[in-house]
């Protein structure tokens, strides 16, 4: 009797992108023109270890700065760790080249925005 078996351990993870539910944003009190500063984000990414932070996407519309905070969900058949995954103080570095009043608009999964106004001196 001849038995042939093969195992392929080269599984490729599949990921589904999604907007993260940002719960709070933090900005420095004093922001100076042409000086870098960090915008810090907090929120929940997912309910198990198959979720992770991916990247930020930014767009400037006049004096509005629109930020999308993207995560990824591993949709492969992997076993996921039983842990909550948080957006623990993930930071986006920015620099603004004109003085003025601005609105930071963080897009949420339901299409609404978490907004915060700030002034660049």
C-alpha atoms as a PDB file:
ATOM      1  CA  UNK A   1       0.000   0.000   0.000  1.00  0.00           C
ATOM      2  CA  UNK A   2       1.395   3.361  -1.009  1.00  0.00           C
ATOM      3  CA  UNK A   3       0.348   6.511   0.860  1.00  0.00           C
ATOM      4  CA  UNK A   4       1.386   9.958  -0.287  1.00  0.00           C
ATOM      5  CA  UNK A   5       0.743  13.036   1.823  1.00  0.00           C
ATOM      6  CA  UNK A   6       1.699  16.647   1.463  1.00  0.00           C
ATOM      7  CA  UNK A   7       1.430  19.564   3.816  1.00  0.00           C
ATOM      8  CA  UNK A   8       1.655  23.143   2.728  1.00  0.00           C
ATOM      9  CA  UNK A   9       2.505  25.437   5.644  1.00  0.00           C
ATOM     10  CA  UNK A  10       2.706  28.461   3.381  1.00  0.00           C
ATOM     11  CA  UNK A  11      -0.731  29.809   4.230  1.00  0.00           C
ATOM     12  CA  UNK A  12      -1.316  33.354   3.148  1.00  0.00           C
ATOM     13  CA  UNK A  13      -3.198  35.588   5.546  1.00  0.00           C
ATOM     14  CA  UNK A  14      -6.178  37.429   4.109  1.00  0.00           C
ATOM     15  CA  UNK A  15      -7.000  40.838   5.522  1.00  0.00           C
ATOM     16  CA  UNK A  16     -10.136  42.944   5.393  1.00  0.00           C
ATOM     17  CA  UNK A  17      -9.672  46.704   5.926  1.00  0.00           C
ATOM     18  CA  UNK A  18     -12.042  48.754   8.074  1.00  0.00           C
ATOM     19  CA  UNK A  19     -12.324  52.173   9.698  1.00  0.00           C
ATOM     20  CA  UNK A  20     -11.481  52.094  13.399  1.00  0.00           C
ATOM     21  CA  UNK A  21     -13.932  53.486  15.979  1.00  0.00           C
ATOM     22  CA  UNK A  22     -11.776  56.306  17.385  1.00  0.00           C
ATOM     23  CA  UNK A  23     -13.077  57.328  20.813  1.00  0.00           C
ATOM     24  CA  UNK A  24     -10.786  60.247  21.643  1.00  0.00           C
ATOM     25  CA  UNK A  25      -8.127  62.460  20.105  1.00  0.00           C
ATOM     26  CA  UNK A  26      -5.473  64.499  21.860  1.00  0.00           C
ATOM     27  CA  UNK A  27      -3.589  67.520  20.538  1.00  0.00           C
ATOM     28  CA  UNK A  28      -0.909  69.672  22.169  1.00  0.00           C
ATOM     29  CA  UNK A  29      -2.221  72.890  23.711  1.00  0.00           C
ATOM     30  CA  UNK A  30       0.311  75.002  21.818  1.00  0.00           C
ATOM     31  CA  UNK A  31       0.842  74.299  18.131  1.00  0.00           C
ATOM     32  CA  UNK A  32       3.357  76.440  16.262  1.00  0.00           C
ATOM     33  CA  UNK A  33       3.445  76.993  12.509  1.00  0.00           C
ATOM     34  CA  UNK A  34       6.082  74.856  10.719  1.00  0.00           C
ATOM     35  CA  UNK A  35       6.769  72.823  13.894  1.00  0.00           C
ATOM     36  CA  UNK A  36       5.918  69.097  13.955  1.00  0.00           C
ATOM     37  CA  UNK A  37       3.318  67.911  16.470  1.00  0.00           C
ATOM     38  CA  UNK A  38       1.565  64.623  17.205  1.00  0.00           C
ATOM     39  CA  UNK A  39      -2.148  63.870  17.124  1.00  0.00           C
ATOM     40  CA  UNK A  40      -2.757  60.958  19.502  1.00  0.00           C
ATOM     41  CA  UNK A  41      -5.696  58.569  19.024  1.00  0.00           C
ATOM     42  CA  UNK A  42      -7.457  56.174  21.411  1.00  0.00           C
ATOM     43  CA  UNK A  43     -10.219  53.668  20.760  1.00  0.00           C
ATOM     44  CA  UNK A  44     -11.099  50.028  20.257  1.00  0.00           C
ATOM     45  CA  UNK A  45      -9.768  48.222  17.205  1.00  0.00           C
ATOM     46  CA  UNK A  46     -11.309  44.800  17.686  1.00  0.00           C
ATOM     47  CA  UNK A  47     -12.549  42.017  19.928  1.00  0.00           C
ATOM     48  CA  UNK A  48      -9.701  39.545  19.401  1.00  0.00           C
ATOM     49  CA  UNK A  49      -6.104  39.186  18.260  1.00  0.00           C
ATOM     50  CA  UNK A  50      -7.056  38.967  14.576  1.00  0.00           C
ATOM     51  CA  UNK A  51      -7.591  42.752  14.570  1.00  0.00           C
ATOM     52  CA  UNK A  52      -4.741  45.247  14.221  1.00  0.00           C
ATOM     53  CA  UNK A  53      -3.974  48.880  13.433  1.00  0.00           C
ATOM     54  CA  UNK A  54      -2.953  49.432   9.811  1.00  0.00           C
ATOM     55  CA  UNK A  55      -2.422  53.091   8.892  1.00  0.00           C
ATOM     56  CA  UNK A  56      -3.701  56.663   8.781  1.00  0.00           C
ATOM     57  CA  UNK A  57      -4.971  58.432   5.666  1.00  0.00           C
ATOM     58  CA  UNK A  58      -5.104  62.232   5.731  1.00  0.00           C
ATOM     59  CA  UNK A  59      -6.564  64.907   3.508  1.00  0.00           C
ATOM     60  CA  UNK A  60      -6.676  68.669   3.904  1.00  0.00           C
ATOM     61  CA  UNK A  61      -9.844  70.485   2.811  1.00  0.00           C
ATOM     62  CA  UNK A  62      -9.244  74.196   3.435  1.00  0.00           C
ATOM     63  CA  UNK A  63      -8.824  74.516   7.195  1.00  0.00           C
ATOM     64  CA  UNK A  64     -10.254  71.045   7.829  1.00  0.00           C
ATOM     65  CA  UNK A  65      -7.861  68.165   8.339  1.00  0.00           C
ATOM     66  CA  UNK A  66      -9.660  64.881   7.670  1.00  0.00           C
ATOM     67  CA  UNK A  67      -8.117  61.709   9.115  1.00  0.00           C
ATOM     68  CA  UNK A  68      -9.168  58.125   8.476  1.00  0.00           C
ATOM     69  CA  UNK A  69      -7.799  55.562  10.939  1.00  0.00           C
ATOM     70  CA  UNK A  70      -7.616  52.139   9.280  1.00  0.00           C
ATOM     71  CA  UNK A  71      -7.410  48.687  10.793  1.00  0.00           C
ATOM     72  CA  UNK A  72      -7.161  45.197   9.381  1.00  0.00           C
ATOM     73  CA  UNK A  73      -8.957  41.985  10.284  1.00  0.00           C
ATOM     74  CA  UNK A  74      -7.223  38.691   9.532  1.00  0.00           C
ATOM     75  CA  UNK A  75      -9.982  36.679   7.841  1.00  0.00           C
ATOM     76  CA  UNK A  76      -7.905  33.510   7.389  1.00  0.00           C
ATOM     77  CA  UNK A  77      -8.808  30.357   9.268  1.00  0.00           C
ATOM     78  CA  UNK A  78      -6.299  31.238  12.003  1.00  0.00           C
ATOM     79  CA  UNK A  79      -7.130  30.938  15.670  1.00  0.00           C
ATOM     80  CA  UNK A  80      -7.310  34.424  17.179  1.00  0.00           C
ATOM     81  CA  UNK A  81      -6.045  35.307  20.639  1.00  0.00           C
ATOM     82  CA  UNK A  82      -8.840  36.056  23.101  1.00  0.00           C
ATOM     83  CA  UNK A  83      -7.815  39.670  23.795  1.00  0.00           C
ATOM     84  CA  UNK A  84      -9.280  43.091  23.140  1.00  0.00           C
ATOM     85  CA  UNK A  85      -7.146  45.141  20.752  1.00  0.00           C
ATOM     86  CA  UNK A  86      -6.981  48.870  21.400  1.00  0.00           C
ATOM     87  CA  UNK A  87      -5.748  51.909  19.550  1.00  0.00           C
ATOM     88  CA  UNK A  88      -3.479  52.745  22.472  1.00  0.00           C
ATOM     89  CA  UNK A  89      -2.124  56.214  21.857  1.00  0.00           C
ATOM     90  CA  UNK A  90      -1.272  55.631  18.204  1.00  0.00           C
ATOM     91  CA  UNK A  91       0.218  58.929  16.984  1.00  0.00           C
ATOM     92  CA  UNK A  92       0.069  60.759  13.669  1.00  0.00           C
ATOM     93  CA  UNK A  93       2.831  63.317  13.168  1.00  0.00           C
ATOM     94  CA  UNK A  94       1.717  66.544  11.468  1.00  0.00           C
ATOM     95  CA  UNK A  95       3.097  69.908  10.483  1.00  0.00           C
ATOM     96  CA  UNK A  96       1.037  72.913   9.390  1.00  0.00           C
ATOM     97  CA  UNK A  97       2.594  75.706   7.351  1.00  0.00           C
ATOM     98  CA  UNK A  98      -0.010  78.458   7.856  1.00  0.00           C
ATOM     99  CA  UNK A  99      -1.263  80.146  11.018  1.00  0.00           C
ATOM    100  CA  UNK A 100      -4.982  79.965  11.654  1.00  0.00           C
ATOM    101  CA  UNK A 101      -7.917  78.097  13.131  1.00  0.00           C
ATOM    102  CA  UNK A 102      -8.350  74.483  12.048  1.00  0.00           C
ATOM    103  CA  UNK A 103     -10.763  71.608  12.577  1.00  0.00           C
ATOM    104  CA  UNK A 104      -9.511  68.058  12.921  1.00  0.00           C
ATOM    105  CA  UNK A 105     -12.177  65.673  11.602  1.00  0.00           C
ATOM    106  CA  UNK A 106     -11.670  61.969  12.308  1.00  0.00           C
ATOM    107  CA  UNK A 107     -13.948  59.836  10.141  1.00  0.00           C
ATOM    108  CA  UNK A 108     -15.850  57.126  12.028  1.00  0.00           C
ATOM    109  CA  UNK A 109     -17.219  53.829  10.639  1.00  0.00           C
ATOM    110  CA  UNK A 110     -20.803  55.177  10.492  1.00  0.00           C
ATOM    111  CA  UNK A 111     -19.716  58.100   8.280  1.00  0.00           C
ATOM    112  CA  UNK A 112     -19.872  60.718  11.042  1.00  0.00           C
ATOM    113  CA  UNK A 113     -16.857  62.634  12.345  1.00  0.00           C
ATOM    114  CA  UNK A 114     -15.178  63.118  15.710  1.00  0.00           C
ATOM    115  CA  UNK A 115     -14.160  66.793  15.607  1.00  0.00           C
ATOM    116  CA  UNK A 116     -11.684  68.926  17.501  1.00  0.00           C
ATOM    117  CA  UNK A 117     -10.845  72.568  16.832  1.00  0.00           C
ATOM    118  CA  UNK A 118      -7.373  73.996  17.351  1.00  0.00           C
ATOM    119  CA  UNK A 119      -5.295  77.070  16.562  1.00  0.00           C
ATOM    120  CA  UNK A 120      -1.862  77.204  14.956  1.00  0.00           C
ATOM    121  CA  UNK A 121       0.210  80.170  16.147  1.00  0.00           C
END
